[in-house]
Amino acid sequence: MDPYTYTNGEPSFNLHLEQTTRSWLHYAIDFPSAHPTVYEKNNTARGEYFEPQTDSEAPLAILIHGVGDRSVIPCKALARSLAKRGIACFVLYLVFHSSRMPEEIKSRFPKLTNDEWFESYRISVIDVRQIIDWADTRAEINKKQIAVIGLSFGGIISAIAMGIDKRIKAGMLLITGGNFEKIARLSKILGNRMGYSPTEAESNARQDRYRQYLDQLAEKGFENVNVDLSTRDRGFLTDPMTFAHSLRKRPMLMINALWDEVFPRQATLDFWEACGKPAITWLPAGHATIWLWYPIINRKIAGFLRATFGL
């Protein structure tokens, strides 16, 4: 069962020019979500697009922030920097950004229902795929050079989108990981914030079921293994580990914090190994303080994209 399918119609993106520099054009963008929900505010996706001022086709990097508005700041800084280097950048605002989050969700966040969390993953991945549909219509974008850059929750969305959509040729995943059950049990922050604190026995039983599911995936493929959507096992469909086998043959860069309070090192290493041990950098920081190393992160991402796409 693939929860990330959608009706792929003609992209209907509205662009509003906000700023012009010698290096890039800056647009505000909105478009209707292909996976609408009962919350009207969620149903218009928003973002920013930085189009390089070049005569040749440009690669496209889709930048996906974490939970909340503040994580958009490094995304926009990276987008401006990459656009100066000739790389088109689309900064997507997720359903947890204030411009899209309805009051009914904001008042309870992050302690949402399982249905609401599941829908947030579906909407976010489908939003990314709609951006790629739109990129296919843009003359200035090289359709064979599309990458995702995901931060924290955005890294999870990036990993799923890469696993589902082969048009994404490369991925940069920052301060993120996989194996949700291990994250819930070992994270200093995430499990309690989301109201999920399993006992060791419960966690081990769920890990056993997840390993069985991953074994079935390896044998039959993602589309051919069913998950009961009425149980917590539905979370298997939103765990980056589920899609790791599909990422092994594509260029990846991981940048992680040594003292991450949200994504435990063990969970990150599980995901890294499942992805075939791509390039990984560990910075001496926590989940939020990693941005004190922004100059290094910026250089590594720019260098990775330039090398991957032969710029």
C-alpha atoms as a PDB file:
ATOM      1  CA  MET A   1       0.000   0.000   0.000  1.00  0.00           C
ATOM      2  CA  ASP A   2       1.472   3.342  -1.085  1.00  0.00           C
ATOM      3  CA  PRO A   3      -0.044   6.281   0.853  1.00  0.00           C
ATOM      4  CA  TYR A   4       1.925   8.794  -1.217  1.00  0.00           C
ATOM      5  CA  THR A   5       0.070   8.421  -4.502  1.00  0.00           C
ATOM      6  CA  TYR A   6      -1.883  11.406  -5.793  1.00  0.00           C
ATOM      7  CA  THR A   7      -3.641  12.715  -8.882  1.00  0.00           C
ATOM      8  CA  ASN A   8      -0.893  14.126 -11.066  1.00  0.00           C
ATOM      9  CA  GLY A   9      -2.681  16.917 -12.914  1.00  0.00           C
ATOM     10  CA  GLU A  10      -1.406  20.067 -14.595  1.00  0.00           C
ATOM     11  CA  PRO A  11       0.630  21.996 -11.970  1.00  0.00           C
ATOM     12  CA  SER A  12      -1.159  25.166 -10.850  1.00  0.00           C
ATOM     13  CA  PHE A  13       1.542  27.248  -9.184  1.00  0.00           C
ATOM     14  CA  ASN A  14       1.164  30.976  -8.515  1.00  0.00           C
ATOM     15  CA  LEU A  15       4.438  32.926  -8.564  1.00  0.00           C
ATOM     16  CA  HIS A  16       4.826  36.442  -7.161  1.00  0.00           C
ATOM     17  CA  LEU A  17       8.147  38.197  -7.775  1.00  0.00           C
ATOM     18  CA  GLU A  18       9.481  39.521  -4.457  1.00  0.00           C
ATOM     19  CA  GLN A  19      13.062  40.544  -5.161  1.00  0.00           C
ATOM     20  CA  THR A  20      15.599  40.804  -7.974  1.00  0.00           C
ATOM     21  CA  THR A  21      19.363  40.686  -7.506  1.00  0.00           C
ATOM     22  CA  ARG A  22      22.263  40.228  -9.887  1.00  0.00           C
ATOM     23  CA  SER A  23      22.448  36.564  -8.852  1.00  0.00           C
ATOM     24  CA  TRP A  24      18.813  35.434  -8.579  1.00  0.00           C
ATOM     25  CA  LEU A  25      15.107  36.200  -8.766  1.00  0.00           C
ATOM     26  CA  HIS A  26      13.125  35.581  -5.572  1.00  0.00           C
ATOM     27  CA  TYR A  27       9.488  34.475  -5.821  1.00  0.00           C
ATOM     28  CA  ALA A  28       6.777  33.702  -3.281  1.00  0.00           C
ATOM     29  CA  ILE A  29       4.817  30.639  -4.455  1.00  0.00           C
ATOM     30  CA  ASP A  30       1.571  28.958  -3.543  1.00  0.00           C
ATOM     31  CA  PHE A  31      -0.246  25.969  -5.009  1.00  0.00           C
ATOM     32  CA  PRO A  32      -3.224  23.749  -4.097  1.00  0.00           C
ATOM     33  CA  SER A  33      -2.295  20.552  -2.302  1.00  0.00           C
ATOM     34  CA  ALA A  34      -3.099  17.359  -4.204  1.00  0.00           C
ATOM     35  CA  HIS A  35      -3.981  15.764  -0.856  1.00  0.00           C
ATOM     36  CA  PRO A  36      -6.489  18.122   0.819  1.00  0.00           C
ATOM     37  CA  THR A  37      -7.624  17.599   4.417  1.00  0.00           C
ATOM     38  CA  VAL A  38     -10.535  18.788   6.541  1.00  0.00           C
ATOM     39  CA  TYR A  39      -8.409  21.788   7.539  1.00  0.00           C
ATOM     40  CA  GLU A  40      -8.724  24.397   4.806  1.00  0.00           C
ATOM     41  CA  LYS A  41      -5.555  26.219   5.890  1.00  0.00           C
ATOM     42  CA  ASN A  42      -3.497  23.099   5.172  1.00  0.00           C
ATOM     43  CA  ASN A  43      -4.748  22.833   1.629  1.00  0.00           C
ATOM     44  CA  THR A  44      -2.722  25.655   0.120  1.00  0.00           C
ATOM     45  CA  ALA A  45       0.963  24.803   0.012  1.00  0.00           C
ATOM     46  CA  ARG A  46       3.415  27.703   0.173  1.00  0.00           C
ATOM     47  CA  GLY A  47       7.062  28.304  -0.431  1.00  0.00           C
ATOM     48  CA  GLU A  48       9.800  30.475  -1.869  1.00  0.00           C
ATOM     49  CA  TYR A  49      11.683  29.996  -5.110  1.00  0.00           C
ATOM     50  CA  PHE A  50      15.145  31.343  -5.896  1.00  0.00           C
ATOM     51  CA  GLU A  51      15.838  31.290  -9.655  1.00  0.00           C
ATOM     52  CA  PRO A  52      19.484  31.830 -10.647  1.00  0.00           C
ATOM     53  CA  GLN A  53      20.225  34.525 -13.214  1.00  0.00           C
ATOM     54  CA  THR A  54      22.001  32.211 -15.659  1.00  0.00           C
ATOM     55  CA  ASP A  55      21.650  31.317 -19.322  1.00  0.00           C
ATOM     56  CA  SER A  56      21.964  27.559 -18.791  1.00  0.00           C
ATOM     57  CA  GLU A  57      19.676  24.996 -17.195  1.00  0.00           C
ATOM     58  CA  ALA A  58      20.094  24.875 -13.423  1.00  0.00           C
ATOM     59  CA  PRO A  59      19.842  21.950 -10.996  1.00  0.00           C
ATOM     60  CA  LEU A  60      16.979  22.236  -8.504  1.00  0.00           C
ATOM     61  CA  ALA A  61      17.352  21.767  -4.747  1.00  0.00           C
ATOM     62  CA  ILE A  62      14.122  21.422  -2.757  1.00  0.00           C
ATOM     63  CA  LEU A  63      14.750  22.549   0.834  1.00  0.00           C
ATOM     64  CA  ILE A  64      12.468  21.115   3.526  1.00  0.00           C
ATOM     65  CA  HIS A  65      12.526  22.622   7.009  1.00  0.00           C
ATOM     66  CA  GLY A  66      11.854  21.021  10.380  1.00  0.00           C
ATOM     67  CA  VAL A  67       8.994  21.525  12.813  1.00  0.00           C
ATOM     68  CA  GLY A  68       8.129  25.188  13.393  1.00  0.00           C
ATOM     69  CA  ASP A  69       9.068  28.417  11.643  1.00  0.00           C
ATOM     70  CA  ARG A  70      12.607  28.996  12.921  1.00  0.00           C
ATOM     71  CA  SER A  71      14.070  26.102  10.934  1.00  0.00           C
ATOM     72  CA  VAL A  72      13.078  27.945   7.745  1.00  0.00           C
ATOM     73  CA  ILE A  73      15.827  30.489   8.467  1.00  0.00           C
ATOM     74  CA  PRO A  74      18.799  28.194   7.621  1.00  0.00           C
ATOM     75  CA  CYS A  75      16.865  26.867   4.609  1.00  0.00           C
ATOM     76  CA  LYS A  76      16.530  30.376   3.178  1.00  0.00           C
ATOM     77  CA  ALA A  77      20.174  31.157   3.920  1.00  0.00           C
ATOM     78  CA  LEU A  78      21.252  27.989   2.113  1.00  0.00           C
ATOM     79  CA  ALA A  79      18.890  28.764  -0.789  1.00  0.00           C
ATOM     80  CA  ARG A  80      20.345  32.225  -1.333  1.00  0.00           C
ATOM     81  CA  SER A  81      23.880  30.879  -1.157  1.00  0.00           C
ATOM     82  CA  LEU A  82      23.199  28.031  -3.588  1.00  0.00           C
ATOM     83  CA  ALA A  83      21.319  30.300  -6.001  1.00  0.00           C
ATOM     84  CA  LYS A  84      24.457  32.471  -6.236  1.00  0.00           C
ATOM     85  CA  ARG A  85      26.254  29.320  -7.372  1.00  0.00           C
ATOM     86  CA  GLY A  86      23.718  28.665 -10.155  1.00  0.00           C
ATOM     87  CA  ILE A  87      21.484  26.171  -8.308  1.00  0.00           C
ATOM     88  CA  ALA A  88      17.744  26.843  -8.317  1.00  0.00           C
ATOM     89  CA  CYS A  89      16.172  26.431  -4.873  1.00  0.00           C
ATOM     90  CA  PHE A  90      12.600  25.871  -3.707  1.00  0.00           C
ATOM     91  CA  VAL A  91      11.987  26.328   0.042  1.00  0.00           C
ATOM     92  CA  LEU A  92       8.793  24.428   0.910  1.00  0.00           C
ATOM     93  CA  TYR A  93       6.670  25.461   3.890  1.00  0.00           C
ATOM     94  CA  LEU A  94       5.383  22.304   5.568  1.00  0.00           C
ATOM     95  CA  VAL A  95       1.999  21.824   7.232  1.00  0.00           C
ATOM     96  CA  PHE A  96       3.644  22.665  10.587  1.00  0.00           C
ATOM     97  CA  HIS A  97       4.629  26.161   9.441  1.00  0.00           C
ATOM     98  CA  SER A  98       2.458  28.932  10.921  1.00  0.00           C
ATOM     99  CA  SER A  99       1.317  29.978   7.447  1.00  0.00           C
ATOM    100  CA  ARG A 100      -0.384  26.579   7.045  1.00  0.00           C
ATOM    101  CA  MET A 101      -1.093  25.293  10.559  1.00  0.00           C
ATOM    102  CA  PRO A 102      -4.762  25.649  11.593  1.00  0.00           C
ATOM    103  CA  GLU A 103      -5.587  26.742  15.133  1.00  0.00           C
ATOM    104  CA  GLU A 104      -7.158  23.326  15.871  1.00  0.00           C
ATOM    105  CA  ILE A 105      -3.746  21.710  15.330  1.00  0.00           C
ATOM    106  CA  LYS A 106      -1.605  24.482  16.813  1.00  0.00           C
ATOM    107  CA  SER A 107      -3.399  24.318  20.180  1.00  0.00           C
ATOM    108  CA  ARG A 108      -2.546  20.614  20.605  1.00  0.00           C
ATOM    109  CA  PHE A 109       0.778  20.345  18.819  1.00  0.00           C
ATOM    110  CA  PRO A 110       2.849  18.160  19.055  1.00  0.00           C
ATOM    111  CA  LYS A 111       0.453  15.804  20.845  1.00  0.00           C
ATOM    112  CA  LEU A 112      -1.641  15.044  17.780  1.00  0.00           C
ATOM    113  CA  THR A 113      -3.664  11.939  16.977  1.00  0.00           C
ATOM    114  CA  ASN A 114      -2.075   9.117  15.023  1.00  0.00           C
ATOM    115  CA  ASP A 115      -4.308  10.043  12.083  1.00  0.00           C
ATOM    116  CA  GLU A 116      -3.148  13.657  12.142  1.00  0.00           C
ATOM    117  CA  TRP A 117       0.527  12.707  12.261  1.00  0.00           C
ATOM    118  CA  PHE A 118       0.074  10.198   9.462  1.00  0.00           C
ATOM    119  CA  GLU A 119      -1.675  12.801   7.293  1.00  0.00           C
ATOM    120  CA  SER A 120       1.124  15.310   7.918  1.00  0.00           C
ATOM    121  CA  TYR A 121       3.627  12.887   6.380  1.00  0.00           C
ATOM    122  CA  ARG A 122       1.367  12.166   3.414  1.00  0.00           C
ATOM    123  CA  ILE A 123       0.743  15.839   2.653  1.00  0.00           C
ATOM    124  CA  SER A 124       4.415  16.757   2.993  1.00  0.00           C
ATOM    125  CA  VAL A 125       5.727  14.022   0.684  1.00  0.00           C
ATOM    126  CA  ILE A 126       3.025  14.744  -1.892  1.00  0.00           C
ATOM    127  CA  ASP A 127       3.876  18.475  -1.735  1.00  0.00           C
ATOM    128  CA  VAL A 128       7.475  17.606  -2.640  1.00  0.00           C
ATOM    129  CA  ARG A 129       6.322  15.480  -5.561  1.00  0.00           C
ATOM    130  CA  GLN A 130       4.080  18.284  -6.807  1.00  0.00           C
ATOM    131  CA  ILE A 131       7.089  20.619  -6.823  1.00  0.00           C
ATOM    132  CA  ILE A 132       8.899  18.128  -9.049  1.00  0.00           C
ATOM    133  CA  ASP A 133       5.862  18.045 -11.361  1.00  0.00           C
ATOM    134  CA  TRP A 134       6.090  21.839 -11.559  1.00  0.00           C
ATOM    135  CA  ALA A 135       9.844  21.704 -12.169  1.00  0.00           C
ATOM    136  CA  ASP A 136       9.164  19.531 -15.221  1.00  0.00           C
ATOM    137  CA  THR A 137       7.386  22.537 -16.792  1.00  0.00           C
ATOM    138  CA  ARG A 138      10.177  25.049 -16.128  1.00  0.00           C
ATOM    139  CA  ALA A 139      12.602  25.767 -18.943  1.00  0.00           C
ATOM    140  CA  GLU A 140      15.337  27.012 -16.582  1.00  0.00           C
ATOM    141  CA  ILE A 141      15.494  23.762 -14.563  1.00  0.00           C
ATOM    142  CA  ASN A 142      17.481  20.661 -15.492  1.00  0.00           C
ATOM    143  CA  LYS A 143      14.916  17.905 -14.895  1.00  0.00           C
ATOM    144  CA  LYS A 144      17.654  15.287 -14.487  1.00  0.00           C
ATOM    145  CA  GLN A 145      19.336  17.171 -11.644  1.00  0.00           C
ATOM    146  CA  ILE A 146      16.855  17.400  -8.785  1.00  0.00           C
ATOM    147  CA  ALA A 147      17.923  17.067  -5.144  1.00  0.00           C
ATOM    148  CA  VAL A 148      16.342  17.388  -1.708  1.00  0.00           C
ATOM    149  CA  ILE A 149      17.838  19.048   1.360  1.00  0.00           C
ATOM    150  CA  GLY A 150      15.959  18.114   4.515  1.00  0.00           C
ATOM    151  CA  LEU A 151      16.415  19.354   8.084  1.00  0.00           C
ATOM    152  CA  SER A 152      15.198  17.289  11.049  1.00  0.00           C
ATOM    153  CA  PHE A 153      11.532  16.429  10.280  1.00  0.00           C
ATOM    154  CA  GLY A 154      12.258  17.704   6.777  1.00  0.00           C
ATOM    155  CA  GLY A 155      15.023  15.098   6.541  1.00  0.00           C
ATOM    156  CA  ILE A 156      12.469  12.382   7.242  1.00  0.00           C
ATOM    157  CA  ILE A 157      10.196  13.768   4.518  1.00  0.00           C
ATOM    158  CA  SER A 158      13.178  13.986   2.147  1.00  0.00           C
ATOM    159  CA  ALA A 159      14.128  10.348   2.738  1.00  0.00           C
ATOM    160  CA  ILE A 160      10.565   9.151   2.103  1.00  0.00           C
ATOM    161  CA  ALA A 161      10.219  11.321  -1.004  1.00  0.00           C
ATOM    162  CA  MET A 162      13.515   9.972  -2.370  1.00  0.00           C
ATOM    163  CA  GLY A 163      12.384   6.419  -1.739  1.00  0.00           C
ATOM    164  CA  ILE A 164       9.055   6.963  -3.482  1.00  0.00           C
ATOM    165  CA  ASP A 165      10.066   9.259  -6.357  1.00  0.00           C
ATOM    166  CA  LYS A 166      13.012   8.272  -8.538  1.00  0.00           C
ATOM    167  CA  ARG A 167      13.106  11.723 -10.142  1.00  0.00           C
ATOM    168  CA  ILE A 168      15.024  12.855  -7.042  1.00  0.00           C
ATOM    169  CA  LYS A 169      18.638  12.111  -7.910  1.00  0.00           C
ATOM    170  CA  ALA A 170      20.423  13.112  -4.691  1.00  0.00           C
ATOM    171  CA  GLY A 171      19.706  13.887  -1.065  1.00  0.00           C
ATOM    172  CA  MET A 172      21.268  15.837   1.793  1.00  0.00           C
ATOM    173  CA  LEU A 173      19.790  14.884   5.173  1.00  0.00           C
ATOM    174  CA  LEU A 174      20.668  17.031   8.182  1.00  0.00           C
ATOM    175  CA  ILE A 175      20.136  16.237  11.891  1.00  0.00           C
ATOM    176  CA  THR A 176      17.811  13.345  11.176  1.00  0.00           C
ATOM    177  CA  GLY A 177      17.684   9.568  11.438  1.00  0.00           C
ATOM    178  CA  GLY A 178      15.458   6.529  11.192  1.00  0.00           C
ATOM    179  CA  ASN A 179      14.052   3.629  13.215  1.00  0.00           C
ATOM    180  CA  PHE A 180      11.239   5.479  15.010  1.00  0.00           C
ATOM    181  CA  GLU A 181      10.845   2.928  17.774  1.00  0.00           C
ATOM    182  CA  LYS A 182      14.455   3.374  18.820  1.00  0.00           C
ATOM    183  CA  ILE A 183      14.060   7.161  18.578  1.00  0.00           C
ATOM    184  CA  ALA A 184      10.966   7.065  20.819  1.00  0.00           C
ATOM    185  CA  ARG A 185      12.771   4.949  23.396  1.00  0.00           C
ATOM    186  CA  LEU A 186      16.153   6.725  23.412  1.00  0.00           C
ATOM    187  CA  SER A 187      15.439  10.340  22.462  1.00  0.00           C
ATOM    188  CA  LYS A 188      15.758  12.816  25.318  1.00  0.00           C
ATOM    189  CA  ILE A 189      12.982  14.954  23.833  1.00  0.00           C
ATOM    190  CA  LEU A 190      10.863  13.417  21.097  1.00  0.00           C
ATOM    191  CA  GLY A 191       9.019  10.577  22.827  1.00  0.00           C
ATOM    192  CA  ASN A 192       7.781  12.669  25.734  1.00  0.00           C
ATOM    193  CA  ARG A 193       6.787  15.601  23.548  1.00  0.00           C
ATOM    194  CA  MET A 194       4.649  13.374  21.375  1.00  0.00           C
ATOM    195  CA  GLY A 195       3.135  11.542  24.327  1.00  0.00           C
ATOM    196  CA  TYR A 196       4.640   8.159  23.423  1.00  0.00           C
ATOM    197  CA  SER A 197       6.794   6.449  26.057  1.00  0.00           C
ATOM    198  CA  PRO A 198       6.642   2.666  25.568  1.00  0.00           C
ATOM    199  CA  THR A 199       7.967   0.145  28.040  1.00  0.00           C
ATOM    200  CA  GLU A 200      11.058  -1.790  27.038  1.00  0.00           C
ATOM    201  CA  ALA A 201       8.945  -4.891  26.366  1.00  0.00           C
ATOM    202  CA  GLU A 202       6.514  -2.957  24.163  1.00  0.00           C
ATOM    203  CA  SER A 203       9.377  -1.356  22.271  1.00  0.00           C
ATOM    204  CA  ASN A 204      11.152  -4.684  21.703  1.00  0.00           C
ATOM    205  CA  ALA A 205       7.954  -6.332  20.438  1.00  0.00           C
ATOM    206  CA  ARG A 206       7.366  -3.506  17.994  1.00  0.00           C
ATOM    207  CA  GLN A 207      10.995  -3.621  16.832  1.00  0.00           C
ATOM    208  CA  ASP A 208      10.568  -7.332  16.098  1.00  0.00           C
ATOM    209  CA  ARG A 209       7.468  -6.624  13.977  1.00  0.00           C
ATOM    210  CA  TYR A 210       9.300  -3.858  12.158  1.00  0.00           C
ATOM    211  CA  ARG A 211      12.270  -6.128  11.370  1.00  0.00           C
ATOM    212  CA  GLN A 212       9.844  -8.683   9.928  1.00  0.00           C
ATOM    213  CA  TYR A 213       8.262  -5.946   7.826  1.00  0.00           C
ATOM    214  CA  LEU A 214      11.671  -4.813   6.523  1.00  0.00           C
ATOM    215  CA  ASP A 215      12.524  -8.418   5.618  1.00  0.00           C
ATOM    216  CA  GLN A 216       9.295  -8.646   3.610  1.00  0.00           C
ATOM    217  CA  LEU A 217      10.127  -5.358   1.864  1.00  0.00           C
ATOM    218  CA  ALA A 218      13.523  -6.672   0.830  1.00  0.00           C
ATOM    219  CA  GLU A 219      11.860  -9.754  -0.664  1.00  0.00           C
ATOM    220  CA  LYS A 220       8.697  -8.304  -2.249  1.00  0.00           C
ATOM    221  CA  GLY A 221       9.139  -4.522  -2.581  1.00  0.00           C
ATOM    222  CA  PHE A 222       7.341  -1.616  -0.900  1.00  0.00           C
ATOM    223  CA  GLU A 223       4.217  -1.723  -3.076  1.00  0.00           C
ATOM    224  CA  ASN A 224       3.625  -5.419  -2.423  1.00  0.00           C
ATOM    225  CA  VAL A 225       3.653  -5.504   1.380  1.00  0.00           C
ATOM    226  CA  ASN A 226       0.457  -4.481   3.153  1.00  0.00           C
ATOM    227  CA  VAL A 227       0.279  -2.709   6.507  1.00  0.00           C
ATOM    228  CA  ASP A 228      -2.826  -2.609   8.686  1.00  0.00           C
ATOM    229  CA  LEU A 229      -3.660   1.108   8.741  1.00  0.00           C
ATOM    230  CA  SER A 230      -5.834   0.664  11.824  1.00  0.00           C
ATOM    231  CA  THR A 231      -2.840  -0.188  14.044  1.00  0.00           C
ATOM    232  CA  ARG A 232       0.330   1.600  15.154  1.00  0.00           C
ATOM    233  CA  ASP A 233       2.141  -0.420  12.504  1.00  0.00           C
ATOM    234  CA  ARG A 234       0.955   2.269  10.109  1.00  0.00           C
ATOM    235  CA  GLY A 235       4.009   4.150  11.358  1.00  0.00           C
ATOM    236  CA  PHE A 236       6.167   1.758   9.351  1.00  0.00           C
ATOM    237  CA  LEU A 237       5.038   3.705   6.272  1.00  0.00           C
ATOM    238  CA  THR A 238       6.495   6.946   7.640  1.00  0.00           C
ATOM    239  CA  ASP A 239       9.815   5.626   8.969  1.00  0.00           C
ATOM    240  CA  PRO A 240      12.865   6.564   6.812  1.00  0.00           C
ATOM    241  CA  MET A 241      14.277   3.076   7.455  1.00  0.00           C
ATOM    242  CA  THR A 242      11.468   1.674   5.316  1.00  0.00           C
ATOM    243  CA  PHE A 243      12.856   3.494   2.282  1.00  0.00           C
ATOM    244  CA  ALA A 244      16.576   3.153   2.964  1.00  0.00           C
ATOM    245  CA  HIS A 245      17.034   0.281   0.494  1.00  0.00           C
ATOM    246  CA  SER A 246      15.820   2.587  -2.303  1.00  0.00           C
ATOM    247  CA  LEU A 247      18.407   5.249  -1.455  1.00  0.00           C
ATOM    248  CA  ARG A 248      21.527   3.128  -1.674  1.00  0.00           C
ATOM    249  CA  LYS A 249      22.269   3.752  -5.348  1.00  0.00           C
ATOM    250  CA  ARG A 250      21.825   7.527  -5.217  1.00  0.00           C
ATOM    251  CA  PRO A 251      24.303  10.132  -3.948  1.00  0.00           C
ATOM    252  CA  MET A 252      23.632  11.101  -0.324  1.00  0.00           C
ATOM    253  CA  LEU A 253      25.219  13.328   2.281  1.00  0.00           C
ATOM    254  CA  MET A 254      24.314  13.194   5.966  1.00  0.00           C
ATOM    255  CA  ILE A 255      25.266  15.897   8.476  1.00  0.00           C
ATOM    256  CA  ASN A 256      24.494  15.132  12.111  1.00  0.00           C
ATOM    257  CA  ALA A 257      25.074  16.459  15.623  1.00  0.00           C
ATOM    258  CA  LEU A 258      27.193  14.473  18.049  1.00  0.00           C
ATOM    259  CA  TRP A 259      24.956  15.400  20.978  1.00  0.00           C
ATOM    260  CA  ASP A 260      21.580  15.460  19.247  1.00  0.00           C
ATOM    261  CA  GLU A 261      18.830  15.487  21.878  1.00  0.00           C
ATOM    262  CA  VAL A 262      16.102  14.613  19.352  1.00  0.00           C
ATOM    263  CA  PHE A 263      17.619  11.947  17.092  1.00  0.00           C
ATOM    264  CA  PRO A 264      19.809   9.545  19.108  1.00  0.00           C
ATOM    265  CA  ARG A 265      23.125   8.602  17.524  1.00  0.00           C
ATOM    266  CA  GLN A 266      22.159   4.901  17.471  1.00  0.00           C
ATOM    267  CA  ALA A 267      19.021   5.619  15.430  1.00  0.00           C
ATOM    268  CA  THR A 268      20.966   7.780  12.995  1.00  0.00           C
ATOM    269  CA  LEU A 269      23.580   5.047  12.565  1.00  0.00           C
ATOM    270  CA  ASP A 270      20.848   2.446  11.948  1.00  0.00           C
ATOM    271  CA  PHE A 271      19.520   4.563   9.099  1.00  0.00           C
ATOM    272  CA  TRP A 272      23.012   5.368   7.778  1.00  0.00           C
ATOM    273  CA  GLU A 273      23.940   1.681   7.625  1.00  0.00           C
ATOM    274  CA  ALA A 274      20.615   0.783   5.962  1.00  0.00           C
ATOM    275  CA  CYS A 275      21.343   3.425   3.292  1.00  0.00           C
ATOM    276  CA  GLY A 276      24.662   1.772   2.461  1.00  0.00           C
ATOM    277  CA  LYS A 277      26.860   4.029   4.632  1.00  0.00           C
ATOM    278  CA  PRO A 278      26.834   7.247   2.548  1.00  0.00           C
ATOM    279  CA  ALA A 279      29.095  10.194   3.325  1.00  0.00           C
ATOM    280  CA  ILE A 280      28.397  11.427   6.854  1.00  0.00           C
ATOM    281  CA  THR A 281      29.751  14.315   8.935  1.00  0.00           C
ATOM    282  CA  TRP A 282      29.376  14.577  12.720  1.00  0.00           C
ATOM    283  CA  LEU A 283      29.601  18.085  14.151  1.00  0.00           C
ATOM    284  CA  PRO A 284      30.181  18.837  17.864  1.00  0.00           C
ATOM    285  CA  ALA A 285      26.742  20.293  18.570  1.00  0.00           C
ATOM    286  CA  GLY A 286      23.178  19.603  19.653  1.00  0.00           C
ATOM    287  CA  HIS A 287      20.054  19.508  17.511  1.00  0.00           C
ATOM    288  CA  ALA A 288      19.611  23.297  17.409  1.00  0.00           C
ATOM    289  CA  THR A 289      23.187  24.456  18.018  1.00  0.00           C
ATOM    290  CA  ILE A 290      24.411  22.655  14.895  1.00  0.00           C
ATOM    291  CA  TRP A 291      23.700  25.917  13.045  1.00  0.00           C
ATOM    292  CA  LEU A 292      26.661  27.492  14.837  1.00  0.00           C
ATOM    293  CA  TRP A 293      28.558  25.482  12.223  1.00  0.00           C
ATOM    294  CA  TYR A 294      26.584  26.983   9.331  1.00  0.00           C
ATOM    295  CA  PRO A 295      29.679  28.012   7.263  1.00  0.00           C
ATOM    296  CA  ILE A 296      30.898  24.394   7.263  1.00  0.00           C
ATOM    297  CA  ILE A 297      27.417  23.027   6.495  1.00  0.00           C
ATOM    298  CA  ASN A 298      27.028  25.511   3.646  1.00  0.00           C
ATOM    299  CA  ARG A 299      30.388  24.567   2.112  1.00  0.00           C
ATOM    300  CA  LYS A 300      29.715  20.837   2.393  1.00  0.00           C
ATOM    301  CA  ILE A 301      26.274  21.060   0.773  1.00  0.00           C
ATOM    302  CA  ALA A 302      27.505  23.310  -2.034  1.00  0.00           C
ATOM    303  CA  GLY A 303      30.501  21.050  -2.662  1.00  0.00           C
ATOM    304  CA  PHE A 304      28.340  17.925  -2.658  1.00  0.00           C
ATOM    305  CA  LEU A 305      25.892  19.390  -5.186  1.00  0.00           C
ATOM    306  CA  ARG A 306      28.644  20.710  -7.435  1.00  0.00           C
ATOM    307  CA  ALA A 307      30.403  17.324  -7.439  1.00  0.00           C
ATOM    308  CA  THR A 308      27.188  15.306  -7.847  1.00  0.00           C
ATOM    309  CA  PHE A 309      25.855  17.345 -10.750  1.00  0.00           C
ATOM    310  CA  GLY A 310      29.211  18.162 -12.349  1.00  0.00           C
ATOM    311  CA  LEU A 311      28.908  21.923 -11.984  1.00  0.00           C
END
